[in-house]
Amino acid sequence: MSARTKIALSPPGPPVAVDGETFREAMSHLAAPLTVVTTRDGQGRRRGFTASSVTSVSLDPPLVLVGLSNGSSCREALLGAGEFIVNVLGEQHRGVATAFAEHGADRFQGLAFDTWPGTELPYLTGANAAFRCTRIRHVPVGDHHLVIGKLTGLVAEGTDKPLLWYRRGFSTAS
């Protein structure tokens, strides 16, 4: 679909199915903050992926939800991990977001990751925020898993504009 394609309202009557591409196009109008979710797999290797489907679920207790595609190369690592970190990206992290969206590459190579104190979890130094989470549940839904984590640590020192995903490209808040 082109950027000028209009998406029509459903006709009156019973609900009709919407195809995936039409839904994706409509959802591209919803700006989403970009994150990199990191963990360690069962062999101790650092794993991570770029995620735009991340949101708070609860304040008491503090819970975070991450949408994870069933086709993600990090699926087994995150579903099997006891802990993970959500790194909130700022406008200066476009290269990080791109690296963690690539397949078949060492996504951590040459980037500013450190180890969260007292753990083996990799986190992005200089992230706008980093949320350490204990995975408490995952729910298969459609072509994704919803991974829910309980907040067990937090760093929020970033002052940069957030890096956003909007209309299938990088953007920042004005």
N, C-alpha and C. Protein backbone atom coordinates (compact mmCIF):
# COMPACT_ATOMS: atom_id res chain seq x y z
N MET A 1 0.83 -1.18 0.00
CA MET A 1 0.00 0.00 0.00
C MET A 1 0.87 1.24 0.00
N SER A 2 0.47 2.22 -0.73
CA SER A 2 1.21 3.47 -0.74
C SER A 2 0.83 4.29 0.48
N ALA A 3 1.62 5.34 0.77
CA ALA A 3 1.36 6.19 1.92
C ALA A 3 0.03 6.92 1.78
N ARG A 4 -0.51 7.01 0.56
CA ARG A 4 -1.76 7.74 0.34
C ARG A 4 -2.98 6.82 0.28
N THR A 5 -2.80 5.54 0.46
CA THR A 5 -3.91 4.61 0.39
C THR A 5 -4.87 4.86 1.53
N LYS A 6 -6.14 4.98 1.22
CA LYS A 6 -7.16 5.12 2.25
C LYS A 6 -7.65 3.75 2.65
N ILE A 7 -7.92 3.61 3.91
CA ILE A 7 -8.47 2.37 4.43
C ILE A 7 -9.93 2.65 4.76
N ALA A 8 -10.82 1.94 4.09
CA ALA A 8 -12.26 2.20 4.21
C ALA A 8 -12.83 1.57 5.48
N LEU A 9 -13.91 2.13 5.94
CA LEU A 9 -14.65 1.55 7.03
C LEU A 9 -15.26 0.24 6.59
N SER A 10 -15.46 -0.65 7.53
CA SER A 10 -16.12 -1.91 7.22
C SER A 10 -17.55 -1.63 6.82
N PRO A 11 -18.10 -2.42 5.91
CA PRO A 11 -19.50 -2.21 5.50
C PRO A 11 -20.44 -2.53 6.66
N PRO A 12 -21.65 -1.97 6.62
CA PRO A 12 -22.63 -2.30 7.65
C PRO A 12 -22.91 -3.79 7.65
N GLY A 13 -23.30 -4.30 8.78
CA GLY A 13 -23.63 -5.72 8.87
C GLY A 13 -22.68 -6.44 9.78
N PRO A 14 -22.57 -7.74 9.60
CA PRO A 14 -21.70 -8.52 10.49
C PRO A 14 -20.24 -8.14 10.30
N PRO A 15 -19.42 -8.33 11.34
CA PRO A 15 -17.99 -8.02 11.22
C PRO A 15 -17.35 -8.79 10.08
N VAL A 16 -16.37 -8.17 9.43
CA VAL A 16 -15.63 -8.82 8.36
C VAL A 16 -14.18 -8.94 8.79
N ALA A 17 -13.52 -9.94 8.26
CA ALA A 17 -12.11 -10.14 8.57
C ALA A 17 -11.27 -9.06 7.88
N VAL A 18 -10.23 -8.60 8.58
CA VAL A 18 -9.28 -7.64 8.02
C VAL A 18 -7.98 -8.40 7.78
N ASP A 19 -7.42 -8.28 6.60
CA ASP A 19 -6.18 -9.01 6.30
C ASP A 19 -5.00 -8.36 7.02
N GLY A 20 -3.95 -9.15 7.18
CA GLY A 20 -2.77 -8.72 7.93
C GLY A 20 -2.10 -7.48 7.37
N GLU A 21 -2.00 -7.37 6.05
CA GLU A 21 -1.33 -6.21 5.44
C GLU A 21 -2.12 -4.92 5.67
N THR A 22 -3.43 -5.00 5.56
CA THR A 22 -4.26 -3.82 5.83
C THR A 22 -4.13 -3.40 7.29
N PHE A 23 -4.14 -4.37 8.18
CA PHE A 23 -3.97 -4.09 9.61
C PHE A 23 -2.60 -3.47 9.88
N ARG A 24 -1.54 -4.02 9.28
CA ARG A 24 -0.19 -3.48 9.46
C ARG A 24 -0.12 -2.03 8.99
N GLU A 25 -0.73 -1.76 7.84
CA GLU A 25 -0.73 -0.39 7.30
C GLU A 25 -1.44 0.56 8.26
N ALA A 26 -2.58 0.16 8.76
CA ALA A 26 -3.32 1.02 9.70
C ALA A 26 -2.53 1.22 10.99
N MET A 27 -1.90 0.17 11.49
CA MET A 27 -1.13 0.27 12.74
C MET A 27 0.13 1.12 12.58
N SER A 28 0.60 1.30 11.35
CA SER A 28 1.80 2.12 11.14
C SER A 28 1.54 3.59 11.49
N HIS A 29 0.28 3.95 11.64
CA HIS A 29 -0.07 5.31 12.05
C HIS A 29 0.07 5.51 13.56
N LEU A 30 0.30 4.43 14.29
CA LEU A 30 0.46 4.49 15.73
C LEU A 30 1.94 4.52 16.06
N ALA A 31 2.43 5.70 16.45
CA ALA A 31 3.85 5.82 16.81
C ALA A 31 4.13 4.98 18.06
N ALA A 32 5.24 4.25 18.04
CA ALA A 32 5.59 3.38 19.17
C ALA A 32 7.04 3.63 19.58
N PRO A 33 7.29 3.68 20.89
CA PRO A 33 8.67 3.82 21.34
C PRO A 33 9.46 2.55 21.00
N LEU A 34 10.73 2.73 20.65
CA LEU A 34 11.57 1.58 20.33
C LEU A 34 12.40 1.18 21.53
N THR A 35 12.53 -0.14 21.69
CA THR A 35 13.32 -0.71 22.77
C THR A 35 14.18 -1.82 22.19
N VAL A 36 15.18 -2.22 22.96
CA VAL A 36 15.91 -3.44 22.68
C VAL A 36 15.75 -4.30 23.93
N VAL A 37 15.23 -5.52 23.74
CA VAL A 37 15.03 -6.46 24.84
C VAL A 37 16.21 -7.42 24.82
N THR A 38 16.87 -7.57 25.97
CA THR A 38 18.08 -8.39 26.05
C THR A 38 17.95 -9.44 27.16
N THR A 39 18.66 -10.54 26.97
CA THR A 39 18.69 -11.61 27.96
C THR A 39 19.90 -12.49 27.68
N ARG A 40 19.98 -13.62 28.35
CA ARG A 40 20.96 -14.67 28.07
C ARG A 40 20.20 -15.95 27.77
N ASP A 41 20.70 -16.72 26.80
CA ASP A 41 20.04 -17.99 26.50
C ASP A 41 20.58 -19.08 27.42
N GLY A 42 20.10 -20.31 27.23
CA GLY A 42 20.49 -21.44 28.08
C GLY A 42 21.97 -21.77 28.06
N GLN A 43 22.68 -21.34 27.00
CA GLN A 43 24.13 -21.55 26.91
C GLN A 43 24.92 -20.34 27.39
N GLY A 44 24.22 -19.33 27.90
CA GLY A 44 24.88 -18.14 28.42
C GLY A 44 25.21 -17.07 27.38
N ARG A 45 24.74 -17.27 26.14
CA ARG A 45 25.00 -16.29 25.08
C ARG A 45 24.05 -15.11 25.22
N ARG A 46 24.58 -13.91 24.93
CA ARG A 46 23.74 -12.72 24.92
C ARG A 46 22.79 -12.78 23.73
N ARG A 47 21.54 -12.47 23.99
CA ARG A 47 20.52 -12.46 22.95
C ARG A 47 19.70 -11.19 23.10
N GLY A 48 19.17 -10.69 21.98
CA GLY A 48 18.35 -9.49 22.05
C GLY A 48 17.68 -9.18 20.73
N PHE A 49 16.66 -8.35 20.78
CA PHE A 49 15.91 -7.97 19.59
C PHE A 49 15.29 -6.60 19.79
N THR A 50 15.03 -5.91 18.68
CA THR A 50 14.34 -4.63 18.71
C THR A 50 12.85 -4.90 18.88
N ALA A 51 12.21 -4.14 19.78
CA ALA A 51 10.78 -4.32 20.04
C ALA A 51 10.09 -2.98 20.13
N SER A 52 8.95 -2.89 19.45
CA SER A 52 8.12 -1.69 19.57
C SER A 52 6.84 -1.99 20.34
N SER A 53 6.55 -3.25 20.56
CA SER A 53 5.36 -3.65 21.32
C SER A 53 5.73 -3.91 22.76
N VAL A 54 5.92 -2.83 23.51
CA VAL A 54 6.28 -2.90 24.92
C VAL A 54 5.40 -1.89 25.65
N THR A 55 4.83 -2.31 26.78
CA THR A 55 3.99 -1.39 27.53
C THR A 55 3.95 -1.78 29.00
N SER A 56 3.59 -0.82 29.84
CA SER A 56 3.36 -1.15 31.24
C SER A 56 2.01 -1.83 31.35
N VAL A 57 1.90 -2.74 32.30
CA VAL A 57 0.67 -3.49 32.50
C VAL A 57 0.05 -3.15 33.86
N SER A 58 0.91 -2.92 34.85
CA SER A 58 0.44 -2.70 36.21
C SER A 58 1.46 -1.85 36.96
N LEU A 59 0.96 -1.02 37.87
CA LEU A 59 1.84 -0.26 38.76
C LEU A 59 2.08 -0.97 40.08
N ASP A 60 1.12 -1.80 40.51
CA ASP A 60 1.24 -2.48 41.79
C ASP A 60 0.77 -3.92 41.64
N PRO A 61 1.68 -4.86 41.38
CA PRO A 61 3.12 -4.67 41.26
C PRO A 61 3.48 -4.11 39.88
N PRO A 62 4.68 -3.51 39.76
CA PRO A 62 5.10 -2.99 38.45
C PRO A 62 5.35 -4.15 37.48
N LEU A 63 4.57 -4.17 36.38
CA LEU A 63 4.69 -5.22 35.37
C LEU A 63 4.86 -4.60 34.00
N VAL A 64 5.63 -5.26 33.16
CA VAL A 64 5.91 -4.83 31.79
C VAL A 64 5.52 -5.97 30.86
N LEU A 65 4.94 -5.62 29.70
CA LEU A 65 4.57 -6.60 28.69
C LEU A 65 5.41 -6.36 27.43
N VAL A 66 5.93 -7.44 26.87
CA VAL A 66 6.69 -7.40 25.62
C VAL A 66 6.01 -8.32 24.62
N GLY A 67 5.70 -7.79 23.43
CA GLY A 67 5.17 -8.61 22.34
C GLY A 67 6.33 -9.24 21.59
N LEU A 68 6.33 -10.55 21.47
CA LEU A 68 7.42 -11.31 20.85
C LEU A 68 6.88 -12.15 19.71
N SER A 69 7.35 -11.90 18.49
CA SER A 69 6.91 -12.65 17.33
C SER A 69 7.31 -14.12 17.45
N ASN A 70 6.42 -15.00 17.03
CA ASN A 70 6.76 -16.42 17.02
C ASN A 70 7.91 -16.72 16.07
N GLY A 71 8.15 -15.83 15.10
CA GLY A 71 9.24 -16.01 14.15
C GLY A 71 10.56 -15.40 14.61
N SER A 72 10.59 -14.81 15.79
CA SER A 72 11.81 -14.16 16.27
C SER A 72 12.92 -15.17 16.54
N SER A 73 14.14 -14.83 16.16
CA SER A 73 15.28 -15.69 16.45
C SER A 73 15.58 -15.73 17.94
N CYS A 74 15.01 -14.83 18.72
CA CYS A 74 15.22 -14.79 20.17
C CYS A 74 14.06 -15.41 20.95
N ARG A 75 13.10 -15.96 20.24
CA ARG A 75 11.89 -16.48 20.90
C ARG A 75 12.22 -17.49 21.99
N GLU A 76 12.96 -18.52 21.66
CA GLU A 76 13.27 -19.57 22.64
C GLU A 76 14.09 -19.02 23.80
N ALA A 77 15.02 -18.13 23.50
CA ALA A 77 15.85 -17.56 24.57
C ALA A 77 15.01 -16.77 25.56
N LEU A 78 14.11 -15.91 25.06
CA LEU A 78 13.32 -15.09 25.97
C LEU A 78 12.29 -15.93 26.71
N LEU A 79 11.64 -16.86 26.02
CA LEU A 79 10.64 -17.69 26.69
C LEU A 79 11.27 -18.61 27.73
N GLY A 80 12.54 -18.95 27.55
CA GLY A 80 13.23 -19.82 28.50
C GLY A 80 13.99 -19.08 29.58
N ALA A 81 14.14 -17.78 29.42
CA ALA A 81 14.94 -17.00 30.38
C ALA A 81 14.12 -16.66 31.61
N GLY A 82 14.77 -16.64 32.74
CA GLY A 82 14.11 -16.21 33.96
C GLY A 82 14.04 -14.71 34.08
N GLU A 83 14.99 -14.03 33.41
CA GLU A 83 15.05 -12.57 33.49
C GLU A 83 15.36 -11.97 32.12
N PHE A 84 15.00 -10.72 31.97
CA PHE A 84 15.33 -9.97 30.76
C PHE A 84 15.37 -8.49 31.09
N ILE A 85 15.91 -7.71 30.16
CA ILE A 85 15.99 -6.26 30.33
C ILE A 85 15.36 -5.59 29.12
N VAL A 86 14.53 -4.58 29.38
CA VAL A 86 13.97 -3.74 28.34
C VAL A 86 14.76 -2.44 28.35
N ASN A 87 15.49 -2.18 27.27
CA ASN A 87 16.31 -0.97 27.12
C ASN A 87 15.54 0.02 26.25
N VAL A 88 15.19 1.17 26.80
CA VAL A 88 14.41 2.18 26.10
C VAL A 88 15.38 3.06 25.30
N LEU A 89 15.18 3.13 23.99
CA LEU A 89 16.12 3.81 23.11
C LEU A 89 15.81 5.30 22.96
N GLY A 90 16.89 6.08 22.84
CA GLY A 90 16.78 7.50 22.54
C GLY A 90 17.12 7.74 21.09
N GLU A 91 16.97 8.99 20.66
CA GLU A 91 17.17 9.32 19.25
C GLU A 91 18.56 8.97 18.74
N GLN A 92 19.55 8.90 19.61
CA GLN A 92 20.92 8.58 19.20
C GLN A 92 21.13 7.08 18.99
N HIS A 93 20.11 6.25 19.22
CA HIS A 93 20.26 4.80 19.16
C HIS A 93 19.70 4.17 17.89
N ARG A 94 19.61 4.93 16.80
CA ARG A 94 19.10 4.35 15.55
C ARG A 94 19.95 3.15 15.11
N GLY A 95 21.25 3.26 15.24
CA GLY A 95 22.14 2.15 14.86
C GLY A 95 21.92 0.92 15.71
N VAL A 96 21.64 1.12 16.99
CA VAL A 96 21.35 0.00 17.89
C VAL A 96 20.06 -0.68 17.46
N ALA A 97 19.02 0.11 17.21
CA ALA A 97 17.73 -0.46 16.78
C ALA A 97 17.89 -1.25 15.49
N THR A 98 18.66 -0.72 14.55
CA THR A 98 18.89 -1.40 13.27
C THR A 98 19.65 -2.70 13.48
N ALA A 99 20.72 -2.65 14.27
CA ALA A 99 21.54 -3.84 14.52
C ALA A 99 20.72 -4.96 15.15
N PHE A 100 19.83 -4.62 16.08
CA PHE A 100 19.06 -5.64 16.79
C PHE A 100 17.84 -6.11 16.00
N ALA A 101 17.59 -5.51 14.86
CA ALA A 101 16.52 -5.97 13.97
C ALA A 101 17.07 -6.89 12.87
N GLU A 102 18.39 -6.98 12.75
CA GLU A 102 19.01 -7.80 11.70
C GLU A 102 19.04 -9.27 12.11
N HIS A 103 19.06 -10.13 11.11
CA HIS A 103 19.13 -11.58 11.35
C HIS A 103 20.53 -12.08 11.02
N GLY A 104 21.01 -13.03 11.79
CA GLY A 104 22.25 -13.70 11.48
C GLY A 104 23.52 -12.94 11.81
N ALA A 105 23.42 -11.86 12.56
CA ALA A 105 24.60 -11.07 12.90
C ALA A 105 24.79 -11.05 14.41
N ASP A 106 26.01 -10.74 14.85
CA ASP A 106 26.25 -10.52 16.28
C ASP A 106 25.71 -9.13 16.59
N ARG A 107 24.54 -9.08 17.14
CA ARG A 107 23.85 -7.82 17.37
C ARG A 107 24.54 -6.94 18.41
N PHE A 108 25.35 -7.51 19.26
CA PHE A 108 26.01 -6.75 20.32
C PHE A 108 27.36 -6.18 19.89
N GLN A 109 27.90 -6.68 18.76
CA GLN A 109 29.24 -6.31 18.30
C GLN A 109 29.42 -4.80 18.18
N GLY A 110 30.39 -4.27 18.92
CA GLY A 110 30.76 -2.86 18.80
C GLY A 110 29.80 -1.88 19.46
N LEU A 111 28.82 -2.37 20.19
CA LEU A 111 27.85 -1.49 20.83
C LEU A 111 28.10 -1.41 22.34
N ALA A 112 27.60 -0.36 22.97
CA ALA A 112 27.90 -0.05 24.37
C ALA A 112 27.01 -0.82 25.34
N PHE A 113 27.24 -2.13 25.44
CA PHE A 113 26.50 -2.94 26.40
C PHE A 113 27.40 -3.30 27.57
N ASP A 114 26.81 -3.32 28.74
CA ASP A 114 27.51 -3.71 29.96
C ASP A 114 26.68 -4.81 30.59
N THR A 115 27.12 -5.32 31.74
CA THR A 115 26.39 -6.35 32.46
C THR A 115 25.74 -5.74 33.68
N TRP A 116 24.43 -5.99 33.83
CA TRP A 116 23.71 -5.48 34.98
C TRP A 116 24.37 -6.02 36.25
N PRO A 117 24.69 -5.16 37.22
CA PRO A 117 25.39 -5.60 38.44
C PRO A 117 24.67 -6.76 39.14
N GLY A 118 25.46 -7.78 39.50
CA GLY A 118 24.93 -8.94 40.21
C GLY A 118 24.25 -9.96 39.32
N THR A 119 24.28 -9.74 37.99
CA THR A 119 23.65 -10.67 37.04
C THR A 119 24.60 -10.87 35.87
N GLU A 120 24.16 -11.64 34.93
CA GLU A 120 24.86 -11.79 33.65
C GLU A 120 24.08 -11.11 32.52
N LEU A 121 23.05 -10.34 32.88
CA LEU A 121 22.18 -9.73 31.88
C LEU A 121 22.82 -8.53 31.20
N PRO A 122 22.82 -8.50 29.86
CA PRO A 122 23.36 -7.35 29.15
C PRO A 122 22.35 -6.20 29.12
N TYR A 123 22.85 -4.98 29.36
CA TYR A 123 22.00 -3.80 29.22
C TYR A 123 22.76 -2.73 28.47
N LEU A 124 22.02 -1.84 27.82
CA LEU A 124 22.60 -0.79 27.00
C LEU A 124 22.97 0.41 27.87
N THR A 125 24.26 0.69 27.98
CA THR A 125 24.66 1.88 28.72
C THR A 125 24.24 3.10 27.88
N GLY A 126 23.70 4.09 28.54
CA GLY A 126 23.24 5.27 27.81
C GLY A 126 21.82 5.17 27.32
N ALA A 127 21.12 4.08 27.63
CA ALA A 127 19.70 3.98 27.26
C ALA A 127 18.92 5.03 28.05
N ASN A 128 17.81 5.50 27.50
CA ASN A 128 16.98 6.44 28.24
C ASN A 128 16.48 5.84 29.54
N ALA A 129 16.20 4.56 29.51
CA ALA A 129 15.81 3.81 30.70
C ALA A 129 16.10 2.34 30.44
N ALA A 130 16.30 1.59 31.51
CA ALA A 130 16.46 0.14 31.41
C ALA A 130 15.68 -0.49 32.55
N PHE A 131 14.84 -1.47 32.19
CA PHE A 131 13.98 -2.15 33.16
C PHE A 131 14.43 -3.60 33.28
N ARG A 132 14.92 -3.97 34.45
CA ARG A 132 15.25 -5.38 34.70
C ARG A 132 13.97 -6.06 35.14
N CYS A 133 13.66 -7.20 34.50
CA CYS A 133 12.40 -7.89 34.75
C CYS A 133 12.63 -9.38 35.01
N THR A 134 11.84 -9.93 35.89
CA THR A 134 11.74 -11.37 36.06
C THR A 134 10.51 -11.83 35.29
N ARG A 135 10.70 -12.78 34.38
CA ARG A 135 9.58 -13.27 33.58
C ARG A 135 8.65 -14.05 34.49
N ILE A 136 7.38 -13.60 34.54
CA ILE A 136 6.41 -14.30 35.39
C ILE A 136 5.38 -15.08 34.58
N ARG A 137 5.27 -14.73 33.30
CA ARG A 137 4.27 -15.41 32.49
C ARG A 137 4.50 -15.11 31.02
N HIS A 138 4.09 -16.03 30.17
CA HIS A 138 4.00 -15.73 28.74
C HIS A 138 2.73 -16.39 28.21
N VAL A 139 2.09 -15.67 27.31
CA VAL A 139 0.81 -16.10 26.79
C VAL A 139 0.88 -16.13 25.26
N PRO A 140 0.67 -17.29 24.64
CA PRO A 140 0.63 -17.32 23.17
C PRO A 140 -0.66 -16.69 22.69
N VAL A 141 -0.54 -15.72 21.76
CA VAL A 141 -1.69 -15.03 21.19
C VAL A 141 -1.41 -14.81 19.70
N GLY A 142 -2.22 -15.42 18.83
CA GLY A 142 -2.02 -15.25 17.39
C GLY A 142 -0.62 -15.66 16.98
N ASP A 143 0.07 -14.76 16.26
CA ASP A 143 1.42 -15.06 15.79
C ASP A 143 2.49 -14.49 16.72
N HIS A 144 2.13 -14.21 17.96
CA HIS A 144 3.05 -13.66 18.96
C HIS A 144 2.89 -14.37 20.31
N HIS A 145 3.85 -14.11 21.18
CA HIS A 145 3.74 -14.42 22.60
C HIS A 145 3.77 -13.09 23.33
N LEU A 146 2.94 -12.95 24.34
CA LEU A 146 2.99 -11.79 25.22
C LEU A 146 3.78 -12.23 26.45
N VAL A 147 4.93 -11.58 26.65
CA VAL A 147 5.81 -11.93 27.76
C VAL A 147 5.63 -10.87 28.84
N ILE A 148 5.29 -11.31 30.04
CA ILE A 148 5.06 -10.39 31.15
C ILE A 148 6.19 -10.53 32.15
N GLY A 149 6.77 -9.39 32.51
CA GLY A 149 7.86 -9.38 33.46
C GLY A 149 7.57 -8.48 34.64
N LYS A 150 8.00 -8.91 35.82
CA LYS A 150 7.88 -8.10 37.03
C LYS A 150 9.17 -7.30 37.18
N LEU A 151 9.03 -6.00 37.38
CA LEU A 151 10.18 -5.12 37.50
C LEU A 151 10.97 -5.44 38.76
N THR A 152 12.29 -5.68 38.58
CA THR A 152 13.17 -5.97 39.71
C THR A 152 14.35 -5.03 39.76
N GLY A 153 14.42 -4.10 38.84
CA GLY A 153 15.49 -3.11 38.82
C GLY A 153 15.18 -2.07 37.77
N LEU A 154 15.74 -0.89 37.95
CA LEU A 154 15.41 0.22 37.07
C LEU A 154 16.55 1.22 37.03
N VAL A 155 16.88 1.66 35.83
CA VAL A 155 17.78 2.79 35.61
C VAL A 155 17.04 3.72 34.65
N ALA A 156 16.89 4.98 35.04
CA ALA A 156 16.20 5.94 34.17
C ALA A 156 16.92 7.27 34.26
N GLU A 157 17.96 7.40 33.45
CA GLU A 157 18.78 8.61 33.49
C GLU A 157 18.79 9.36 32.17
N GLY A 158 18.21 8.79 31.14
CA GLY A 158 18.26 9.40 29.82
C GLY A 158 17.45 10.67 29.72
N THR A 159 17.99 11.61 28.99
CA THR A 159 17.30 12.87 28.76
C THR A 159 17.08 13.13 27.27
N ASP A 160 17.46 12.15 26.45
CA ASP A 160 17.32 12.31 25.01
C ASP A 160 15.87 12.10 24.58
N LYS A 161 15.53 12.66 23.43
CA LYS A 161 14.21 12.41 22.87
C LYS A 161 14.09 10.91 22.60
N PRO A 162 12.88 10.35 22.76
CA PRO A 162 12.72 8.93 22.49
C PRO A 162 12.82 8.62 21.01
N LEU A 163 13.35 7.45 20.72
CA LEU A 163 13.36 6.94 19.35
C LEU A 163 12.03 6.23 19.12
N LEU A 164 11.34 6.62 18.07
CA LEU A 164 10.02 6.08 17.78
C LEU A 164 10.02 5.33 16.45
N TRP A 165 9.06 4.42 16.30
CA TRP A 165 8.81 3.73 15.05
C TRP A 165 7.46 4.23 14.55
N TYR A 166 7.47 4.90 13.40
CA TYR A 166 6.26 5.51 12.88
C TYR A 166 6.26 5.41 11.36
N ARG A 167 5.18 4.89 10.80
CA ARG A 167 5.04 4.73 9.35
C ARG A 167 6.19 3.91 8.76
N ARG A 168 6.63 2.91 9.53
CA ARG A 168 7.68 1.96 9.13
C ARG A 168 9.06 2.62 9.01
N GLY A 169 9.30 3.63 9.82
CA GLY A 169 10.61 4.28 9.82
C GLY A 169 10.87 4.94 11.17
N PHE A 170 12.13 5.33 11.37
CA PHE A 170 12.51 5.99 12.61
C PHE A 170 11.96 7.41 12.65
N SER A 171 11.62 7.84 13.85
CA SER A 171 11.12 9.18 14.08
C SER A 171 11.48 9.57 15.51
N THR A 172 11.33 10.83 15.82
CA THR A 172 11.51 11.31 17.20
C THR A 172 10.36 12.25 17.52
N ALA A 173 10.16 12.45 18.80
CA ALA A 173 9.13 13.39 19.24
C ALA A 173 9.62 14.81 18.95
N SER A 174 8.72 15.66 18.52
CA SER A 174 9.08 17.05 18.22
C SER A 174 9.24 17.85 19.48
